[in-house]
Amino acid sequence: MEKLKIFFEEHAFGVCSRLGEKLNFPIDSIRLFFIYSSFVTMGSPIILYVSMAMMMKIRKYFRKMNNPVLFD
């Protein structure tokens, strides 16, 4: 079970971790919220999760373009 958790944490987008850091809220609670709300609402929070992941990737890309020395 621990290996599965580590695999998903390494290969996921990091949206829940980022939200937890910004909001000072437990990361596991945010993950459970996304999971349970996805089941209850037939998957609509997945759209929110993916859009937030894409925004994070775009912001990282633009930061890298503005200061390429930091990310080499």
PDB file of N, CA and C in Angstrom:
ATOM      1  N   MET A   1       0.827  -1.196   0.000  1.00  0.00           N
ATOM      2  CA  MET A   1       0.000   0.000   0.000  1.00  0.00           C
ATOM      3  C   MET A   1       0.868   1.257   0.000  1.00  0.00           C
ATOM      4  N   GLU A   2       1.952   1.225   0.747  1.00  0.00           N
ATOM      5  CA  GLU A   2       2.842   2.387   0.824  1.00  0.00           C
ATOM      6  C   GLU A   2       3.519   2.647  -0.521  1.00  0.00           C
ATOM      7  N   LYS A   3       3.883   1.582  -1.248  1.00  0.00           N
ATOM      8  CA  LYS A   3       4.516   1.752  -2.555  1.00  0.00           C
ATOM      9  C   LYS A   3       3.559   2.410  -3.538  1.00  0.00           C
ATOM     10  N   LEU A   4       2.290   2.045  -3.459  1.00  0.00           N
ATOM     11  CA  LEU A   4       1.286   2.637  -4.333  1.00  0.00           C
ATOM     12  C   LEU A   4       1.122   4.130  -4.043  1.00  0.00           C
ATOM     13  N   LYS A   5       1.117   4.481  -2.776  1.00  0.00           N
ATOM     14  CA  LYS A   5       0.998   5.880  -2.388  1.00  0.00           C
ATOM     15  C   LYS A   5       2.204   6.683  -2.876  1.00  0.00           C
ATOM     16  N   ILE A   6       3.387   6.149  -2.718  1.00  0.00           N
ATOM     17  CA  ILE A   6       4.606   6.834  -3.164  1.00  0.00           C
ATOM     18  C   ILE A   6       4.604   6.992  -4.685  1.00  0.00           C
ATOM     19  N   PHE A   7       4.155   5.946  -5.400  1.00  0.00           N
ATOM     20  CA  PHE A   7       4.080   6.021  -6.863  1.00  0.00           C
ATOM     21  C   PHE A   7       3.184   7.165  -7.316  1.00  0.00           C
ATOM     22  N   PHE A   8       1.992   7.270  -6.726  1.00  0.00           N
ATOM     23  CA  PHE A   8       1.067   8.323  -7.127  1.00  0.00           C
ATOM     24  C   PHE A   8       1.561   9.701  -6.722  1.00  0.00           C
ATOM     25  N   GLU A   9       2.223   9.809  -5.588  1.00  0.00           N
ATOM     26  CA  GLU A   9       2.756  11.108  -5.177  1.00  0.00           C
ATOM     27  C   GLU A   9       3.878  11.570  -6.091  1.00  0.00           C
ATOM     28  N   GLU A  10       4.673  10.645  -6.616  1.00  0.00           N
ATOM     29  CA  GLU A  10       5.769  11.013  -7.502  1.00  0.00           C
ATOM     30  C   GLU A  10       5.279  11.329  -8.914  1.00  0.00           C
ATOM     31  N   HIS A  11       4.208  10.653  -9.359  1.00  0.00           N
ATOM     32  CA  HIS A  11       3.763  10.806 -10.732  1.00  0.00           C
ATOM     33  C   HIS A  11       2.500  11.639 -10.890  1.00  0.00           C
ATOM     34  N   ALA A  12       1.948  12.139  -9.824  1.00  0.00           N
ATOM     35  CA  ALA A  12       0.758  12.984  -9.915  1.00  0.00           C
ATOM     36  C   ALA A  12       1.166  14.416 -10.233  1.00  0.00           C
ATOM     37  N   PHE A  13       0.189  15.241 -10.455  1.00  0.00           N
ATOM     38  CA  PHE A  13       0.452  16.631 -10.817  1.00  0.00           C
ATOM     39  C   PHE A  13       0.873  17.481  -9.630  1.00  0.00           C
ATOM     40  N   GLY A  14       0.535  17.091  -8.426  1.00  0.00           N
ATOM     41  CA  GLY A  14       0.893  17.863  -7.252  1.00  0.00           C
ATOM     42  C   GLY A  14      -0.093  18.948  -6.894  1.00  0.00           C
ATOM     43  N   VAL A  15      -1.305  18.850  -7.432  1.00  0.00           N
ATOM     44  CA  VAL A  15      -2.317  19.872  -7.177  1.00  0.00           C
ATOM     45  C   VAL A  15      -2.709  19.873  -5.706  1.00  0.00           C
ATOM     46  N   CYS A  16      -2.979  18.724  -5.145  1.00  0.00           N
ATOM     47  CA  CYS A  16      -3.404  18.646  -3.745  1.00  0.00           C
ATOM     48  C   CYS A  16      -2.292  19.105  -2.809  1.00  0.00           C
ATOM     49  N   SER A  17      -1.072  18.755  -3.120  1.00  0.00           N
ATOM     50  CA  SER A  17       0.060  19.196  -2.295  1.00  0.00           C
ATOM     51  C   SER A  17       0.201  20.707  -2.334  1.00  0.00           C
ATOM     52  N   ARG A  18       0.063  21.263  -3.507  1.00  0.00           N
ATOM     53  CA  ARG A  18       0.192  22.711  -3.664  1.00  0.00           C
ATOM     54  C   ARG A  18      -0.935  23.445  -2.931  1.00  0.00           C
ATOM     55  N   LEU A  19      -2.168  22.929  -3.059  1.00  0.00           N
ATOM     56  CA  LEU A  19      -3.291  23.538  -2.346  1.00  0.00           C
ATOM     57  C   LEU A  19      -3.102  23.443  -0.840  1.00  0.00           C
ATOM     58  N   GLY A  20      -2.620  22.302  -0.371  1.00  0.00           N
ATOM     59  CA  GLY A  20      -2.386  22.127   1.057  1.00  0.00           C
ATOM     60  C   GLY A  20      -1.352  23.094   1.595  1.00  0.00           C
ATOM     61  N   GLU A  21      -0.296  23.331   0.818  1.00  0.00           N
ATOM     62  CA  GLU A  21       0.732  24.270   1.242  1.00  0.00           C
ATOM     63  C   GLU A  21       0.197  25.700   1.256  1.00  0.00           C
ATOM     64  N   LYS A  22      -0.533  26.070   0.221  1.00  0.00           N
ATOM     65  CA  LYS A  22      -1.050  27.436   0.122  1.00  0.00           C
ATOM     66  C   LYS A  22      -2.107  27.730   1.176  1.00  0.00           C
ATOM     67  N   LEU A  23      -3.003  26.758   1.423  1.00  0.00           N
ATOM     68  CA  LEU A  23      -4.110  26.975   2.347  1.00  0.00           C
ATOM     69  C   LEU A  23      -3.792  26.547   3.775  1.00  0.00           C
ATOM     70  N   ASN A  24      -2.594  25.970   3.979  1.00  0.00           N
ATOM     71  CA  ASN A  24      -2.201  25.453   5.289  1.00  0.00           C
ATOM     72  C   ASN A  24      -3.243  24.455   5.812  1.00  0.00           C
ATOM     73  N   PHE A  25      -3.542  23.479   4.960  1.00  0.00           N
ATOM     74  CA  PHE A  25      -4.577  22.485   5.221  1.00  0.00           C
ATOM     75  C   PHE A  25      -3.972  21.111   4.956  1.00  0.00           C
ATOM     76  N   PRO A  26      -4.394  20.070   5.682  1.00  0.00           N
ATOM     77  CA  PRO A  26      -3.807  18.733   5.468  1.00  0.00           C
ATOM     78  C   PRO A  26      -4.034  18.216   4.038  1.00  0.00           C
ATOM     79  N   ILE A  27      -2.970  17.740   3.439  1.00  0.00           N
ATOM     80  CA  ILE A  27      -3.012  17.284   2.053  1.00  0.00           C
ATOM     81  C   ILE A  27      -3.931  16.074   1.896  1.00  0.00           C
ATOM     82  N   ASP A  28      -3.895  15.166   2.850  1.00  0.00           N
ATOM     83  CA  ASP A  28      -4.744  13.981   2.763  1.00  0.00           C
ATOM     84  C   ASP A  28      -6.227  14.348   2.752  1.00  0.00           C
ATOM     85  N   SER A  29      -6.607  15.383   3.484  1.00  0.00           N
ATOM     86  CA  SER A  29      -8.007  15.818   3.499  1.00  0.00           C
ATOM     87  C   SER A  29      -8.419  16.370   2.139  1.00  0.00           C
ATOM     88  N   ILE A  30      -7.526  17.082   1.493  1.00  0.00           N
ATOM     89  CA  ILE A  30      -7.831  17.624   0.169  1.00  0.00           C
ATOM     90  C   ILE A  30      -7.960  16.494  -0.843  1.00  0.00           C
ATOM     91  N   ARG A  31      -7.083  15.517  -0.764  1.00  0.00           N
ATOM     92  CA  ARG A  31      -7.173  14.369  -1.672  1.00  0.00           C
ATOM     93  C   ARG A  31      -8.478  13.610  -1.475  1.00  0.00           C
ATOM     94  N   LEU A  32      -8.833  13.387  -0.227  1.00  0.00           N
ATOM     95  CA  LEU A  32     -10.097  12.696   0.044  1.00  0.00           C
ATOM     96  C   LEU A  32     -11.290  13.495  -0.450  1.00  0.00           C
ATOM     97  N   PHE A  33     -11.236  14.819  -0.323  1.00  0.00           N
ATOM     98  CA  PHE A  33     -12.312  15.657  -0.841  1.00  0.00           C
ATOM     99  C   PHE A  33     -12.478  15.453  -2.338  1.00  0.00           C
ATOM    100  N   PHE A  34     -11.378  15.474  -3.093  1.00  0.00           N
ATOM    101  CA  PHE A  34     -11.462  15.278  -4.537  1.00  0.00           C
ATOM    102  C   PHE A  34     -11.997  13.888  -4.877  1.00  0.00           C
ATOM    103  N   ILE A  35     -11.565  12.885  -4.152  1.00  0.00           N
ATOM    104  CA  ILE A  35     -12.017  11.524  -4.431  1.00  0.00           C
ATOM    105  C   ILE A  35     -13.504  11.369  -4.149  1.00  0.00           C
ATOM    106  N   TYR A  36     -13.928  11.761  -2.955  1.00  0.00           N
ATOM    107  CA  TYR A  36     -15.334  11.591  -2.584  1.00  0.00           C
ATOM    108  C   TYR A  36     -16.257  12.472  -3.413  1.00  0.00           C
ATOM    109  N   SER A  37     -15.861  13.695  -3.653  1.00  0.00           N
ATOM    110  CA  SER A  37     -16.726  14.566  -4.445  1.00  0.00           C
ATOM    111  C   SER A  37     -16.800  14.103  -5.901  1.00  0.00           C
ATOM    112  N   SER A  38     -15.759  13.448  -6.394  1.00  0.00           N
ATOM    113  CA  SER A  38     -15.807  12.898  -7.743  1.00  0.00           C
ATOM    114  C   SER A  38     -16.828  11.773  -7.844  1.00  0.00           C
ATOM    115  N   PHE A  39     -16.919  10.946  -6.809  1.00  0.00           N
ATOM    116  CA  PHE A  39     -17.908   9.880  -6.815  1.00  0.00           C
ATOM    117  C   PHE A  39     -19.328  10.425  -6.689  1.00  0.00           C
ATOM    118  N   VAL A  40     -19.506  11.412  -5.839  1.00  0.00           N
ATOM    119  CA  VAL A  40     -20.848  11.951  -5.590  1.00  0.00           C
ATOM    120  C   VAL A  40     -21.358  12.740  -6.790  1.00  0.00           C
ATOM    121  N   THR A  41     -20.501  13.502  -7.436  1.00  0.00           N
ATOM    122  CA  THR A  41     -20.931  14.370  -8.530  1.00  0.00           C
ATOM    123  C   THR A  41     -20.614  13.794  -9.906  1.00  0.00           C
ATOM    124  N   MET A  42     -20.330  12.541  -9.983  1.00  0.00           N
ATOM    125  CA  MET A  42     -20.055  11.852 -11.245  1.00  0.00           C
ATOM    126  C   MET A  42     -18.845  12.392 -12.002  1.00  0.00           C
ATOM    127  N   GLY A  43     -17.825  12.831 -11.275  1.00  0.00           N
ATOM    128  CA  GLY A  43     -16.554  13.166 -11.895  1.00  0.00           C
ATOM    129  C   GLY A  43     -16.303  14.616 -12.224  1.00  0.00           C
ATOM    130  N   SER A  44     -17.208  15.526 -11.899  1.00  0.00           N
ATOM    131  CA  SER A  44     -16.972  16.931 -12.258  1.00  0.00           C
ATOM    132  C   SER A  44     -15.769  17.554 -11.556  1.00  0.00           C
ATOM    133  N   PRO A  45     -15.393  17.176 -10.313  1.00  0.00           N
ATOM    134  CA  PRO A  45     -14.164  17.736  -9.735  1.00  0.00           C
ATOM    135  C   PRO A  45     -12.891  17.322 -10.471  1.00  0.00           C
ATOM    136  N   ILE A  46     -12.968  16.269 -11.246  1.00  0.00           N
ATOM    137  CA  ILE A  46     -11.799  15.864 -12.036  1.00  0.00           C
ATOM    138  C   ILE A  46     -11.459  16.947 -13.045  1.00  0.00           C
ATOM    139  N   ILE A  47     -12.485  17.590 -13.603  1.00  0.00           N
ATOM    140  CA  ILE A  47     -12.267  18.692 -14.543  1.00  0.00           C
ATOM    141  C   ILE A  47     -11.552  19.835 -13.831  1.00  0.00           C
ATOM    142  N   LEU A  48     -11.982  20.148 -12.629  1.00  0.00           N
ATOM    143  CA  LEU A  48     -11.337  21.195 -11.829  1.00  0.00           C
ATOM    144  C   LEU A  48      -9.888  20.829 -11.526  1.00  0.00           C
ATOM    145  N   TYR A  49      -9.650  19.574 -11.139  1.00  0.00           N
ATOM    146  CA  TYR A  49      -8.307  19.109 -10.808  1.00  0.00           C
ATOM    147  C   TYR A  49      -7.384  19.219 -12.025  1.00  0.00           C
ATOM    148  N   VAL A  50      -7.849  18.762 -13.173  1.00  0.00           N
ATOM    149  CA  VAL A  50      -7.013  18.790 -14.379  1.00  0.00           C
ATOM    150  C   VAL A  50      -6.750  20.232 -14.815  1.00  0.00           C
ATOM    151  N   SER A  51      -7.753  21.093 -14.704  1.00  0.00           N
ATOM    152  CA  SER A  51      -7.531  22.493 -15.088  1.00  0.00           C
ATOM    153  C   SER A  51      -6.529  23.166 -14.148  1.00  0.00           C
ATOM    154  N   MET A  52      -6.592  22.864 -12.859  1.00  0.00           N
ATOM    155  CA  MET A  52      -5.608  23.425 -11.931  1.00  0.00           C
ATOM    156  C   MET A  52      -4.215  22.876 -12.218  1.00  0.00           C
ATOM    157  N   ALA A  53      -4.131  21.598 -12.592  1.00  0.00           N
ATOM    158  CA  ALA A  53      -2.838  21.010 -12.942  1.00  0.00           C
ATOM    159  C   ALA A  53      -2.256  21.686 -14.183  1.00  0.00           C
ATOM    160  N   MET A  54      -3.106  21.947 -15.159  1.00  0.00           N
ATOM    161  CA  MET A  54      -2.633  22.610 -16.371  1.00  0.00           C
ATOM    162  C   MET A  54      -2.176  24.036 -16.067  1.00  0.00           C
ATOM    163  N   MET A  55      -2.890  24.741 -15.199  1.00  0.00           N
ATOM    164  CA  MET A  55      -2.476  26.088 -14.823  1.00  0.00           C
ATOM    165  C   MET A  55      -1.123  26.062 -14.128  1.00  0.00           C
ATOM    166  N   MET A  56      -0.901  25.061 -13.275  1.00  0.00           N
ATOM    167  CA  MET A  56       0.390  24.950 -12.594  1.00  0.00           C
ATOM    168  C   MET A  56       1.512  24.707 -13.591  1.00  0.00           C
ATOM    169  N   LYS A  57       1.274  23.838 -14.576  1.00  0.00           N
ATOM    170  CA  LYS A  57       2.297  23.540 -15.586  1.00  0.00           C
ATOM    171  C   LYS A  57       2.586  24.764 -16.450  1.00  0.00           C
ATOM    172  N   ILE A  58       1.541  25.510 -16.803  1.00  0.00           N
ATOM    173  CA  ILE A  58       1.732  26.705 -17.620  1.00  0.00           C
ATOM    174  C   ILE A  58       2.512  27.759 -16.848  1.00  0.00           C
ATOM    175  N   ARG A  59       2.177  27.947 -15.566  1.00  0.00           N
ATOM    176  CA  ARG A  59       2.913  28.918 -14.749  1.00  0.00           C
ATOM    177  C   ARG A  59       4.382  28.521 -14.621  1.00  0.00           C
ATOM    178  N   LYS A  60       4.635  27.231 -14.435  1.00  0.00           N
ATOM    179  CA  LYS A  60       6.018  26.752 -14.337  1.00  0.00           C
ATOM    180  C   LYS A  60       6.765  26.989 -15.651  1.00  0.00           C
ATOM    181  N   TYR A  61       6.082  26.771 -16.760  1.00  0.00           N
ATOM    182  CA  TYR A  61       6.695  26.992 -18.070  1.00  0.00           C
ATOM    183  C   TYR A  61       7.068  28.463 -18.248  1.00  0.00           C
ATOM    184  N   PHE A  62       6.141  29.379 -17.913  1.00  0.00           N
ATOM    185  CA  PHE A  62       6.422  30.802 -18.072  1.00  0.00           C
ATOM    186  C   PHE A  62       7.519  31.273 -17.119  1.00  0.00           C
ATOM    187  N   ARG A  63       7.552  30.744 -15.928  1.00  0.00           N
ATOM    188  CA  ARG A  63       8.635  31.099 -15.009  1.00  0.00           C
ATOM    189  C   ARG A  63       9.975  30.629 -15.554  1.00  0.00           C
ATOM    190  N   LYS A  64       9.976  29.461 -16.157  1.00  0.00           N
ATOM    191  CA  LYS A  64      11.208  28.937 -16.739  1.00  0.00           C
ATOM    192  C   LYS A  64      11.656  29.794 -17.922  1.00  0.00           C
ATOM    193  N   MET A  65      10.706  30.281 -18.706  1.00  0.00           N
ATOM    194  CA  MET A  65      11.042  31.124 -19.855  1.00  0.00           C
ATOM    195  C   MET A  65      11.582  32.482 -19.395  1.00  0.00           C
ATOM    196  N   ASN A  66      11.075  33.000 -18.280  1.00  0.00           N
ATOM    197  CA  ASN A  66      11.524  34.306 -17.794  1.00  0.00           C
ATOM    198  C   ASN A  66      12.880  34.234 -17.112  1.00  0.00           C
ATOM    199  N   ASN A  67      13.213  33.093 -16.504  1.00  0.00           N
ATOM    200  CA  ASN A  67      14.475  32.965 -15.795  1.00  0.00           C
ATOM    201  C   ASN A  67      15.040  31.565 -16.027  1.00  0.00           C
ATOM    202  N   PRO A  68      15.621  31.309 -17.186  1.00  0.00           N
ATOM    203  CA  PRO A  68      16.086  29.959 -17.528  1.00  0.00           C
ATOM    204  C   PRO A  68      17.259  29.467 -16.693  1.00  0.00           C
ATOM    205  N   VAL A  69      17.977  30.329 -16.011  1.00  0.00           N
ATOM    206  CA  VAL A  69      19.150  29.925 -15.251  1.00  0.00           C
ATOM    207  C   VAL A  69      18.748  29.108 -14.022  1.00  0.00           C
ATOM    208  N   LEU A  70      17.625  29.441 -13.398  1.00  0.00           N
ATOM    209  CA  LEU A  70      17.205  28.771 -12.174  1.00  0.00           C
ATOM    210  C   LEU A  70      16.776  27.327 -12.383  1.00  0.00           C
ATOM    211  N   PHE A  71      16.310  26.970 -13.580  1.00  0.00           N
ATOM    212  CA  PHE A  71      15.734  25.657 -13.786  1.00  0.00           C
ATOM    213  C   PHE A  71      16.625  24.697 -14.570  1.00  0.00           C
ATOM    214  N   ASP A  72      17.851  25.033 -14.792  1.00  0.00           N
ATOM    215  CA  ASP A  72      18.749  24.125 -15.529  1.00  0.00           C
ATOM    216  C   ASP A  72      19.254  23.019 -14.666  1.00  0.00           C
TER     217      ASP A  72
END
